[in-house]
Amino acid sequence: IPLEMIQGDHWWVPFIDGAPRLKKPPFLYWLGRASFETFGPTLWAGRALTVAFALLLLGCTAWLGKRLQGAWSTGLLAAGVLLGMMGMASESRRLMLDVPVAALSVAAFCAYLSWTYRPRPGVLLLSAACLSAALLTKGPMALVACGSGLLALWWSRPDLRRQALLRWPQHILAGVLALALPAIWFIYVKHHYAEQLAKAAQDELEARQLSHLSADPLVGILTLALPWTLVGLYAAWRHRREASAKLLTLWLLISLAPFFFITTFSRYLIGSLPALALLTAIGLEQGVPAWTRRLGSLIPVVLCALLALLLWRWQLDGWLFLALATLAFLVLWWRQGSSPATVALSAALLWMVAWGIAFPHLGVNAVAPEAVALAKDKPVVLFAGPQPALLPILAQRPLRQTSQLTAELAAPGTVIAFRAEDQAALAEQLRALQRKAVPRLEYQSLTSAGSGVRFAREGARGEDWQAAWDQRSPAPLMSTVKLWEVLP
């Protein structure tokens, strides 16, 4: 999207595939274009944005620990716990909306909390600005992440609730300021792209399946918080009568509640992790049973051990680093005498090695250099899949993506990239358009299916995994990526 914004010189309204991108607000796309314009369109320039927001979220968590417990040690421990949660370790590496909206929402809550203790206009203005940016990143998620914190604060602190009622003019002003820019953008889009906006809203409502009761949030938070899940939940129960723990537990529960009624992805719950991390830090400082840590460590250890085993079997680099990190994690995690900070850092180190060193050596979504060279010179359409997923950023130009070809998209000279499993659908659409295409390139790669964790080709079965093990190669699990050129 930022690449197409640069090509078409779009700023106010993001574009993708020649049409306005209205399913999500524009703030992260604005930052994406600014980053690409400043540092060049590279993977680093894109991912650095999310990493910066992850650092903001860590800083806010540390500040909340200091504010709620009165000691920086609690805050820093909570930040270390958050850094070692699987959800943060994975999502902070992707240019997605979830970490930025969580960071901005929590920052808005922190600024408001600071203002309640020492009312200063600049701090309340900062809170409104952060909330405005969060709304412009992923509107409903901002209301959940920040609003749940505010509700928990007012519910658990009657004194602050009364204070909020007495200062209603300042609250109204802050609310107006927070809503101003999002409202202006929405009104502009509704005026200029009413039909596209209505369709985008309908698509989003259908995708979310409102009123659909689901246990996904419970599974999602349990997974995202690994290996700290059980420690945090135990601490929430044990310290439920303490003021700060009560606030954090309410914040956690309220932030999860809406997602039980819609279809969701677990990454939407990133905004709930700071509350759980702070509860975990409180539990670690005051003592938790060893079984809560040990049970929580099992799934991460198994996952990382399996990844190390695959890398070793397929003779790929990175397995030794991950094996050593897993062993160090186990030793520190199971030792009764390990300090909370040491245990927290061991979890963070494990995920850093797994996601930052070991997993990339699988080569998921690797792109052949010939494909990059081809995409720099010719119009390219990514069909179905889409694969190669990283081709636009590697070619440093926007590429069209579609599951339904048109005469314009299948113009002579256009290169169509697709997976072998989508070849039948492509051939049928080309026949319907009375077009012919010739092969230009094909190569094999592990390809992601919505998430990098699912990297085997679509339709891979147990025997394919067995073949990959027996052959000491991931080839039986790879997709064949093909590039065809449409003939005149």
Protein backbone atom coordinates (compact mmCIF):
# COMPACT_ATOMS: atom_id res chain seq x y z
CA ILE A 1 0.00 0.00 0.00
CA PRO A 2 2.71 2.58 0.82
CA LEU A 3 4.47 1.66 -2.44
CA GLU A 4 1.33 2.42 -4.43
CA MET A 5 0.84 5.63 -2.46
CA ILE A 6 4.32 6.71 -3.56
CA GLN A 7 3.73 5.72 -7.18
CA GLY A 8 0.40 7.53 -7.42
CA ASP A 9 1.43 10.35 -5.07
CA HIS A 10 -1.44 9.58 -2.69
CA TRP A 11 -1.21 10.88 0.86
CA TRP A 12 -4.58 11.56 2.43
CA VAL A 13 -6.29 8.37 1.17
CA PRO A 14 -4.24 5.16 0.81
CA PHE A 15 -4.57 3.17 -2.42
CA ILE A 16 -4.09 -0.47 -3.36
CA ASP A 17 -4.58 -2.14 -6.74
CA GLY A 18 -5.74 1.16 -8.23
CA ALA A 19 -8.55 1.68 -5.69
CA PRO A 20 -8.80 3.47 -2.33
CA ARG A 21 -7.92 1.25 0.64
CA LEU A 22 -10.77 1.96 3.07
CA LYS A 23 -11.01 -1.20 5.17
CA LYS A 24 -8.57 0.29 7.65
CA PRO A 25 -7.72 3.89 8.65
CA PRO A 26 -4.64 5.50 7.08
CA PHE A 27 -2.18 6.39 9.86
CA LEU A 28 0.20 3.43 9.52
CA TYR A 29 0.11 3.79 5.74
CA TRP A 30 1.07 7.45 6.10
CA LEU A 31 4.01 6.42 8.26
CA GLY A 32 4.89 3.64 5.82
CA ARG A 33 5.10 6.04 2.91
CA ALA A 34 7.10 8.53 4.98
CA SER A 35 9.54 5.79 6.00
CA PHE A 36 9.95 4.54 2.43
CA GLU A 37 10.39 8.08 1.14
CA THR A 38 13.04 8.78 3.77
CA PHE A 39 14.99 5.51 3.90
CA GLY A 40 14.01 3.84 0.64
CA PRO A 41 11.44 1.05 0.10
CA THR A 42 13.14 -1.78 1.98
CA LEU A 43 12.08 -4.48 4.41
CA TRP A 44 14.11 -2.71 7.09
CA ALA A 45 12.30 0.59 6.57
CA GLY A 46 8.94 -1.14 6.91
CA ARG A 47 9.68 -3.36 9.87
CA ALA A 48 11.42 -0.58 11.80
CA LEU A 49 8.05 1.15 12.20
CA THR A 50 6.51 -1.76 14.08
CA VAL A 51 9.65 -2.25 16.14
CA ALA A 52 9.48 1.43 17.18
CA PHE A 53 5.86 0.97 18.30
CA ALA A 54 6.84 -2.19 20.16
CA LEU A 55 9.45 -0.17 22.06
CA LEU A 56 6.77 2.41 22.88
CA LEU A 57 4.53 -0.35 24.25
CA LEU A 58 7.39 -1.71 26.36
CA GLY A 59 8.12 1.78 27.71
CA CYS A 60 4.46 2.36 28.60
CA THR A 61 4.33 -0.98 30.40
CA ALA A 62 7.42 -0.09 32.43
CA TRP A 63 5.94 3.32 33.34
CA LEU A 64 2.64 1.71 34.41
CA GLY A 65 4.53 -0.67 36.69
CA LYS A 66 6.28 2.26 38.33
CA ARG A 67 3.03 4.20 38.68
CA LEU A 68 0.90 1.35 40.01
CA GLN A 69 3.45 -0.37 42.25
CA GLY A 70 5.69 2.55 43.09
CA ALA A 71 8.95 0.95 41.89
CA TRP A 72 10.77 0.97 38.59
CA SER A 73 11.88 -2.59 39.31
CA THR A 74 8.29 -3.78 38.84
CA GLY A 75 7.88 -1.80 35.65
CA LEU A 76 11.13 -3.00 34.12
CA LEU A 77 10.32 -6.58 35.08
CA ALA A 78 6.89 -6.23 33.43
CA ALA A 79 8.53 -4.85 30.27
CA GLY A 80 10.91 -7.83 30.28
CA VAL A 81 7.95 -10.20 30.67
CA LEU A 82 6.12 -8.50 27.79
CA LEU A 83 9.22 -8.72 25.61
CA GLY A 84 9.29 -12.47 26.32
CA MET A 85 5.66 -13.12 25.34
CA MET A 86 5.25 -15.03 22.10
CA GLY A 87 2.76 -12.55 20.66
CA MET A 88 5.10 -9.61 21.06
CA ALA A 89 8.07 -11.56 19.74
CA SER A 90 6.24 -12.50 16.54
CA GLU A 91 4.00 -9.50 15.82
CA SER A 92 6.59 -6.79 16.53
CA ARG A 93 8.47 -7.97 13.41
CA ARG A 94 5.60 -7.50 10.96
CA LEU A 95 4.33 -4.27 9.41
CA MET A 96 0.80 -4.87 10.67
CA LEU A 97 -1.65 -2.63 12.52
CA ASP A 98 -1.94 -4.53 15.80
CA VAL A 99 1.24 -3.54 17.65
CA PRO A 100 0.99 0.14 16.61
CA VAL A 101 -2.65 0.49 17.68
CA ALA A 102 -1.90 -1.26 20.98
CA ALA A 103 1.09 1.00 21.66
CA LEU A 104 -0.77 4.21 20.85
CA SER A 105 -3.84 3.15 22.87
CA VAL A 106 -1.79 2.23 25.94
CA ALA A 107 0.21 5.45 25.57
CA ALA A 108 -3.08 7.40 25.56
CA PHE A 109 -4.13 5.60 28.74
CA CYS A 110 -0.77 6.26 30.41
CA ALA A 111 -0.95 9.97 29.60
CA TYR A 112 -4.48 10.16 30.98
CA LEU A 113 -3.47 8.33 34.16
CA SER A 114 -0.58 10.75 34.62
CA TRP A 115 -2.99 13.66 34.15
CA THR A 116 -5.30 12.35 36.89
CA TYR A 117 -2.44 12.59 39.41
CA ARG A 118 -1.16 15.96 38.20
CA PRO A 119 -3.56 17.80 35.89
CA ARG A 120 -1.55 19.55 33.20
CA PRO A 121 -3.12 20.62 29.89
CA GLY A 122 -0.17 19.36 27.87
CA VAL A 123 -0.46 15.83 29.27
CA LEU A 124 -4.19 15.63 28.52
CA LEU A 125 -3.47 16.96 25.02
CA LEU A 126 -0.85 14.21 24.62
CA SER A 127 -3.43 11.61 25.64
CA ALA A 128 -5.89 12.97 23.07
CA ALA A 129 -3.21 12.99 20.36
CA CYS A 130 -2.23 9.38 21.06
CA LEU A 131 -5.85 8.28 21.04
CA SER A 132 -6.46 10.15 17.78
CA ALA A 133 -3.48 8.39 16.18
CA ALA A 134 -4.73 5.04 17.51
CA LEU A 135 -8.20 5.67 16.06
CA LEU A 136 -6.56 6.52 12.73
CA THR A 137 -4.63 3.25 12.89
CA LYS A 138 -7.39 0.76 13.70
CA GLY A 139 -10.41 2.54 15.12
CA PRO A 140 -12.38 -0.16 17.00
CA MET A 141 -9.23 -1.73 18.43
CA ALA A 142 -8.21 1.66 19.85
CA LEU A 143 -11.54 2.02 21.61
CA VAL A 144 -11.17 -1.45 23.11
CA ALA A 145 -7.52 -1.18 24.20
CA CYS A 146 -7.71 2.34 25.64
CA GLY A 147 -11.38 2.29 26.65
CA SER A 148 -10.98 -0.93 28.65
CA GLY A 149 -8.15 0.69 30.63
CA LEU A 150 -10.23 3.77 31.35
CA LEU A 151 -13.28 1.71 32.40
CA ALA A 152 -11.14 -0.44 34.68
CA LEU A 153 -9.55 2.65 36.20
CA TRP A 154 -12.88 4.36 36.94
CA TRP A 155 -14.46 1.13 38.17
CA SER A 156 -11.65 0.21 40.56
CA ARG A 157 -10.90 3.79 41.72
CA PRO A 158 -14.06 5.61 42.88
CA ASP A 159 -11.99 8.69 43.73
CA LEU A 160 -10.80 9.00 40.13
CA ARG A 161 -14.33 8.34 38.89
CA ARG A 162 -15.62 11.25 40.95
CA GLN A 163 -12.71 13.35 39.75
CA ALA A 164 -13.60 12.56 36.13
CA LEU A 165 -17.19 13.66 36.71
CA LEU A 166 -16.06 16.95 38.23
CA ARG A 167 -13.71 17.62 35.32
CA TRP A 168 -16.23 16.83 32.61
CA PRO A 169 -15.39 19.91 30.48
CA GLN A 170 -11.75 18.81 30.14
CA HIS A 171 -12.88 15.27 29.25
CA ILE A 172 -15.27 16.52 26.60
CA LEU A 173 -12.59 18.76 25.11
CA ALA A 174 -10.07 15.89 25.06
CA GLY A 175 -12.67 13.64 23.41
CA VAL A 176 -13.41 16.24 20.73
CA LEU A 177 -9.71 16.69 20.01
CA ALA A 178 -9.17 12.92 19.81
CA LEU A 179 -12.06 12.47 17.39
CA ALA A 180 -11.44 15.55 15.23
CA LEU A 181 -8.90 14.24 12.71
CA PRO A 182 -10.45 10.73 12.40
CA ALA A 183 -13.86 12.37 11.84
CA ILE A 184 -12.46 14.75 9.19
CA TRP A 185 -10.83 11.83 7.36
CA PHE A 186 -14.00 9.73 7.54
CA ILE A 187 -16.23 12.59 6.30
CA TYR A 188 -13.84 13.25 3.42
CA VAL A 189 -13.80 9.59 2.41
CA LYS A 190 -17.58 9.29 2.73
CA HIS A 191 -18.01 12.34 0.51
CA HIS A 192 -15.56 11.26 -2.20
CA TYR A 193 -15.74 7.45 -2.06
CA ALA A 194 -19.16 6.67 -0.58
CA GLU A 195 -19.71 3.49 -2.59
CA GLN A 196 -16.27 2.04 -1.86
CA LEU A 197 -16.60 2.94 1.83
CA ALA A 198 -19.97 1.20 2.11
CA LYS A 199 -18.58 -1.93 0.48
CA ALA A 200 -15.49 -1.91 2.72
CA ALA A 201 -17.67 -1.57 5.82
CA GLN A 202 -19.92 -4.41 4.65
CA ASP A 203 -16.91 -6.65 4.00
CA GLU A 204 -15.52 -5.92 7.46
CA LEU A 205 -18.85 -6.65 9.17
CA GLU A 206 -19.21 -9.94 7.30
CA ALA A 207 -15.62 -10.93 8.15
CA ARG A 208 -16.13 -10.21 11.85
CA GLN A 209 -19.44 -12.15 12.10
CA LEU A 210 -21.03 -10.04 14.81
CA SER A 211 -22.99 -11.93 17.49
CA HIS A 212 -21.01 -15.08 16.74
CA LEU A 213 -20.06 -16.43 20.19
CA SER A 214 -16.51 -17.74 20.15
CA ALA A 215 -13.85 -18.96 22.58
CA ASP A 216 -11.08 -17.63 20.32
CA PRO A 217 -10.10 -14.76 22.68
CA LEU A 218 -9.41 -17.21 25.49
CA VAL A 219 -7.27 -19.41 23.25
CA GLY A 220 -5.65 -16.34 21.73
CA ILE A 221 -4.55 -14.72 24.98
CA LEU A 222 -3.32 -18.06 26.36
CA THR A 223 -1.19 -18.50 23.23
CA LEU A 224 0.05 -14.92 22.84
CA ALA A 225 1.24 -14.73 26.44
CA LEU A 226 3.31 -17.92 26.40
CA PRO A 227 5.29 -18.84 28.46
CA TRP A 228 3.82 -16.42 31.03
CA THR A 229 0.15 -17.31 30.71
CA LEU A 230 -0.30 -19.38 33.86
CA VAL A 231 1.91 -17.12 35.98
CA GLY A 232 -0.14 -14.06 35.02
CA LEU A 233 -3.50 -15.74 35.59
CA TYR A 234 -2.40 -17.14 38.95
CA ALA A 235 -1.17 -13.71 40.03
CA ALA A 236 -4.48 -12.14 38.98
CA TRP A 237 -6.37 -14.56 41.20
CA ARG A 238 -4.02 -14.51 44.18
CA HIS A 239 -3.73 -10.71 44.34
CA ARG A 240 -7.29 -9.94 43.26
CA ARG A 241 -7.98 -7.86 46.39
CA GLU A 242 -4.98 -5.58 45.89
CA ALA A 243 -5.81 -2.26 44.22
CA SER A 244 -3.33 -2.41 41.35
CA ALA A 245 -3.97 -6.10 40.61
CA LYS A 246 -7.73 -5.47 40.65
CA LEU A 247 -7.35 -2.64 38.12
CA LEU A 248 -5.13 -4.76 35.86
CA THR A 249 -7.44 -7.77 36.04
CA LEU A 250 -10.44 -5.64 35.14
CA TRP A 251 -8.48 -4.08 32.29
CA LEU A 252 -7.58 -7.54 30.99
CA LEU A 253 -11.13 -8.90 31.24
CA ILE A 254 -12.82 -5.85 29.71
CA SER A 255 -10.33 -5.77 26.83
CA LEU A 256 -11.07 -9.42 26.02
CA ALA A 257 -14.86 -9.27 26.40
CA PRO A 258 -15.83 -7.82 22.95
CA PHE A 259 -13.86 -10.47 21.09
CA PHE A 260 -16.00 -13.31 22.43
CA PHE A 261 -18.76 -12.05 20.13
CA ILE A 262 -16.88 -11.58 16.85
CA THR A 263 -14.60 -13.62 14.63
CA THR A 264 -11.09 -12.44 15.35
CA PHE A 265 -7.39 -13.13 14.97
CA SER A 266 -5.30 -13.66 18.07
CA ARG A 267 -3.06 -10.72 17.13
CA TYR A 268 -5.99 -8.38 17.84
CA LEU A 269 -5.35 -9.08 21.53
CA ILE A 270 -1.89 -7.49 21.64
CA GLY A 271 -3.42 -4.57 23.54
CA SER A 272 -4.37 -6.95 26.38
CA LEU A 273 -0.80 -8.15 26.94
CA PRO A 274 0.53 -5.19 29.02
CA ALA A 275 -2.09 -5.82 31.73
CA LEU A 276 -1.16 -9.52 31.84
CA ALA A 277 2.56 -8.68 31.84
CA LEU A 278 2.10 -6.33 34.80
CA LEU A 279 0.12 -8.98 36.70
CA THR A 280 2.91 -11.46 35.96
CA ALA A 281 5.54 -9.05 37.29
CA ILE A 282 3.55 -8.57 40.51
CA GLY A 283 3.28 -12.35 40.87
CA LEU A 284 6.98 -12.92 40.25
CA GLU A 285 8.01 -10.31 42.80
CA GLN A 286 5.73 -11.72 45.49
CA GLY A 287 6.23 -15.37 44.59
CA VAL A 288 4.30 -17.88 42.47
CA PRO A 289 4.26 -21.69 42.61
CA ALA A 290 6.88 -23.36 40.44
CA TRP A 291 4.23 -25.34 38.55
CA THR A 292 2.83 -22.17 36.97
CA ARG A 293 6.18 -21.42 35.34
CA ARG A 294 6.98 -25.00 34.46
CA LEU A 295 3.67 -25.83 32.82
CA GLY A 296 3.78 -22.58 30.89
CA SER A 297 7.23 -23.41 29.55
CA LEU A 298 6.25 -26.72 27.96
CA ILE A 299 4.64 -25.47 24.75
CA PRO A 300 7.40 -22.94 23.88
CA VAL A 301 10.05 -25.59 24.54
CA VAL A 302 8.28 -28.14 22.34
CA LEU A 303 7.76 -25.61 19.52
CA CYS A 304 11.34 -24.39 19.58
CA ALA A 305 12.72 -27.92 19.87
CA LEU A 306 10.68 -29.00 16.83
CA LEU A 307 11.94 -26.03 14.83
CA ALA A 308 15.53 -26.79 15.82
CA LEU A 309 15.00 -30.44 14.88
CA LEU A 310 13.62 -29.52 11.44
CA LEU A 311 16.50 -27.15 10.75
CA TRP A 312 19.00 -29.81 11.80
CA ARG A 313 17.31 -32.54 9.74
CA TRP A 314 17.09 -30.34 6.67
CA GLN A 315 20.72 -29.31 7.10
CA LEU A 316 19.87 -25.62 7.42
CA ASP A 317 21.66 -23.08 9.59
CA GLY A 318 20.26 -21.76 12.84
CA TRP A 319 19.40 -25.01 14.59
CA LEU A 320 22.41 -24.95 16.91
CA PHE A 321 21.66 -21.41 18.12
CA LEU A 322 18.05 -22.36 18.82
CA ALA A 323 19.00 -25.61 20.54
CA LEU A 324 21.40 -23.78 22.86
CA ALA A 325 18.86 -21.02 23.56
CA THR A 326 16.19 -23.63 24.37
CA LEU A 327 18.56 -25.44 26.72
CA ALA A 328 19.52 -22.21 28.48
CA PHE A 329 15.85 -21.28 28.81
CA LEU A 330 15.04 -24.66 30.35
CA VAL A 331 17.88 -24.50 32.85
CA LEU A 332 17.02 -20.98 34.03
CA TRP A 333 13.27 -21.48 33.93
CA TRP A 334 13.28 -24.64 36.04
CA ARG A 335 15.80 -23.44 38.60
CA GLN A 336 14.10 -22.40 41.81
CA GLY A 337 16.87 -19.93 42.62
CA SER A 338 16.72 -17.99 39.34
CA SER A 339 15.80 -14.34 39.83
CA PRO A 340 12.59 -13.07 38.18
CA ALA A 341 14.60 -10.77 35.89
CA THR A 342 16.81 -13.66 34.74
CA VAL A 343 13.80 -15.86 34.00
CA ALA A 344 12.09 -13.01 32.12
CA LEU A 345 15.15 -12.37 29.98
CA SER A 346 15.57 -16.07 29.24
CA ALA A 347 12.08 -16.16 27.70
CA ALA A 348 12.81 -13.04 25.66
CA LEU A 349 16.09 -14.53 24.47
CA LEU A 350 14.39 -17.77 23.43
CA TRP A 351 11.88 -16.00 21.19
CA MET A 352 14.53 -13.64 19.80
CA VAL A 353 16.65 -16.57 18.69
CA ALA A 354 13.64 -18.54 17.42
CA TRP A 355 12.06 -15.71 15.40
CA GLY A 356 15.16 -13.66 14.63
CA ILE A 357 17.78 -16.30 13.82
CA ALA A 358 16.36 -19.81 13.45
CA PHE A 359 13.02 -19.33 11.68
CA PRO A 360 14.39 -17.14 8.85
CA HIS A 361 16.71 -19.98 7.87
CA LEU A 362 13.67 -21.98 6.76
CA GLY A 363 13.49 -19.56 3.85
CA VAL A 364 9.73 -19.05 4.03
CA ASN A 365 8.59 -16.88 1.10
CA ALA A 366 12.10 -16.78 -0.35
CA VAL A 367 12.06 -15.21 -3.82
CA ALA A 368 14.26 -16.21 -6.73
CA PRO A 369 16.52 -13.32 -7.85
CA GLU A 370 15.31 -13.85 -11.43
CA ALA A 371 11.76 -13.12 -10.28
CA VAL A 372 12.88 -9.84 -8.72
CA ALA A 373 14.70 -8.85 -11.91
CA LEU A 374 11.61 -9.69 -13.98
CA ALA A 375 9.34 -7.65 -11.73
CA LYS A 376 11.55 -4.58 -12.08
CA ASP A 377 11.09 -4.50 -15.87
CA LYS A 378 7.54 -5.73 -16.56
CA PRO A 379 4.03 -5.28 -15.19
CA VAL A 380 3.36 -8.10 -12.73
CA VAL A 381 0.11 -9.48 -11.32
CA LEU A 382 0.15 -11.72 -8.24
CA PHE A 383 -2.63 -14.26 -8.79
CA ALA A 384 -4.55 -15.88 -5.91
CA GLY A 385 -1.97 -16.89 -3.22
CA PRO A 386 -0.50 -14.28 -3.53
CA GLN A 387 3.02 -15.40 -4.28
CA PRO A 388 5.80 -14.34 -4.28
CA ALA A 389 4.59 -12.56 -1.14
CA LEU A 390 7.71 -10.39 -0.75
CA LEU A 391 8.11 -9.55 -4.44
CA PRO A 392 6.68 -5.98 -4.26
CA ILE A 393 9.08 -4.80 -1.56
CA LEU A 394 12.04 -6.61 -3.15
CA ALA A 395 11.22 -5.11 -6.55
CA GLN A 396 10.57 -1.77 -4.81
CA ARG A 397 7.38 -1.12 -6.73
CA PRO A 398 3.68 -1.86 -6.23
CA LEU A 399 2.31 -4.95 -7.95
CA ARG A 400 -1.32 -5.77 -8.62
CA GLN A 401 -2.93 -8.63 -6.70
CA THR A 402 -6.13 -10.40 -7.72
CA SER A 403 -8.04 -13.67 -7.72
CA GLN A 404 -10.13 -12.60 -10.71
CA LEU A 405 -8.34 -11.58 -13.90
CA THR A 406 -9.72 -8.90 -16.21
CA ALA A 407 -8.74 -7.98 -19.75
CA GLU A 408 -6.81 -4.99 -18.35
CA LEU A 409 -4.87 -7.09 -15.83
CA ALA A 410 -4.11 -9.77 -18.42
CA ALA A 411 -2.84 -7.33 -21.02
CA PRO A 412 -0.12 -8.62 -23.40
CA GLY A 413 3.32 -8.47 -21.85
CA THR A 414 2.02 -8.80 -18.29
CA VAL A 415 3.74 -11.37 -16.08
CA ILE A 416 1.38 -13.39 -13.88
CA ALA A 417 2.90 -14.97 -10.75
CA PHE A 418 1.10 -17.84 -9.04
CA ARG A 419 1.50 -21.11 -7.13
CA ALA A 420 1.23 -24.40 -8.98
CA GLU A 421 -1.86 -25.29 -6.93
CA ASP A 422 -3.61 -22.25 -8.47
CA GLN A 423 -2.65 -23.07 -12.05
CA ALA A 424 -5.99 -24.68 -13.00
CA ALA A 425 -7.96 -21.61 -11.88
CA LEU A 426 -5.58 -19.30 -13.74
CA ALA A 427 -5.75 -21.34 -16.96
CA GLU A 428 -9.55 -21.27 -16.87
CA GLN A 429 -9.64 -17.50 -16.45
CA LEU A 430 -7.13 -16.99 -19.26
CA ARG A 431 -9.30 -19.12 -21.58
CA ALA A 432 -12.36 -17.07 -20.67
CA LEU A 433 -10.45 -13.90 -21.60
CA GLN A 434 -9.11 -15.55 -24.79
CA ARG A 435 -5.56 -15.00 -23.65
CA LYS A 436 -2.53 -17.26 -23.86
CA ALA A 437 0.58 -17.19 -21.67
CA VAL A 438 3.99 -18.82 -21.83
CA PRO A 439 6.20 -19.87 -18.89
CA ARG A 440 9.01 -17.48 -18.06
CA LEU A 441 10.26 -18.82 -14.72
CA GLU A 442 9.50 -21.27 -11.96
CA TYR A 443 11.14 -22.10 -8.65
CA GLN A 444 10.29 -23.83 -5.37
CA SER A 445 9.84 -22.20 -1.98
CA LEU A 446 8.10 -22.70 1.32
CA THR A 447 5.18 -20.28 1.19
CA SER A 448 3.14 -18.82 4.02
CA ALA A 449 -0.62 -19.26 4.19
CA GLY A 450 -1.70 -16.10 6.01
CA SER A 451 0.84 -16.69 8.76
CA GLY A 452 4.51 -17.53 8.47
CA VAL A 453 4.04 -20.39 10.95
CA ARG A 454 2.00 -22.33 8.37
CA PHE A 455 4.63 -22.71 5.69
CA ALA A 456 3.87 -26.07 4.05
CA ARG A 457 2.19 -25.90 0.66
CA GLU A 458 -1.59 -25.99 0.53
CA GLY A 459 -2.81 -29.59 0.66
CA ALA A 460 0.38 -31.02 2.20
CA ARG A 461 -0.37 -34.25 4.08
CA GLY A 462 1.36 -36.44 6.65
CA GLU A 463 3.15 -38.40 3.95
CA ASP A 464 4.64 -35.16 2.60
CA TRP A 465 6.07 -34.36 6.02
CA GLN A 466 7.39 -37.91 6.22
CA ALA A 467 9.00 -37.53 2.80
CA ALA A 468 10.60 -34.24 3.88
CA TRP A 469 12.04 -35.99 6.93
CA ASP A 470 13.28 -39.03 4.99
CA GLN A 471 14.81 -36.93 2.21
CA ARG A 472 16.41 -34.53 4.69
CA SER A 473 14.95 -31.67 2.65
CA PRO A 474 11.90 -29.37 2.84
CA ALA A 475 11.33 -29.85 -0.91
CA PRO A 476 8.23 -32.13 -0.52
CA LEU A 477 6.54 -29.32 1.43
CA MET A 478 7.43 -26.54 -0.99
CA SER A 479 5.12 -24.78 -3.39
CA THR A 480 6.17 -24.34 -6.98
CA VAL A 481 5.94 -20.66 -7.83
CA LYS A 482 5.49 -19.97 -11.55
CA LEU A 483 5.68 -16.81 -13.62
CA TRP A 484 3.91 -16.74 -16.99
CA GLU A 485 3.93 -13.92 -19.53
CA VAL A 486 0.75 -13.09 -21.44
CA LEU A 487 1.22 -13.28 -25.23
CA PRO A 488 0.10 -10.54 -27.63
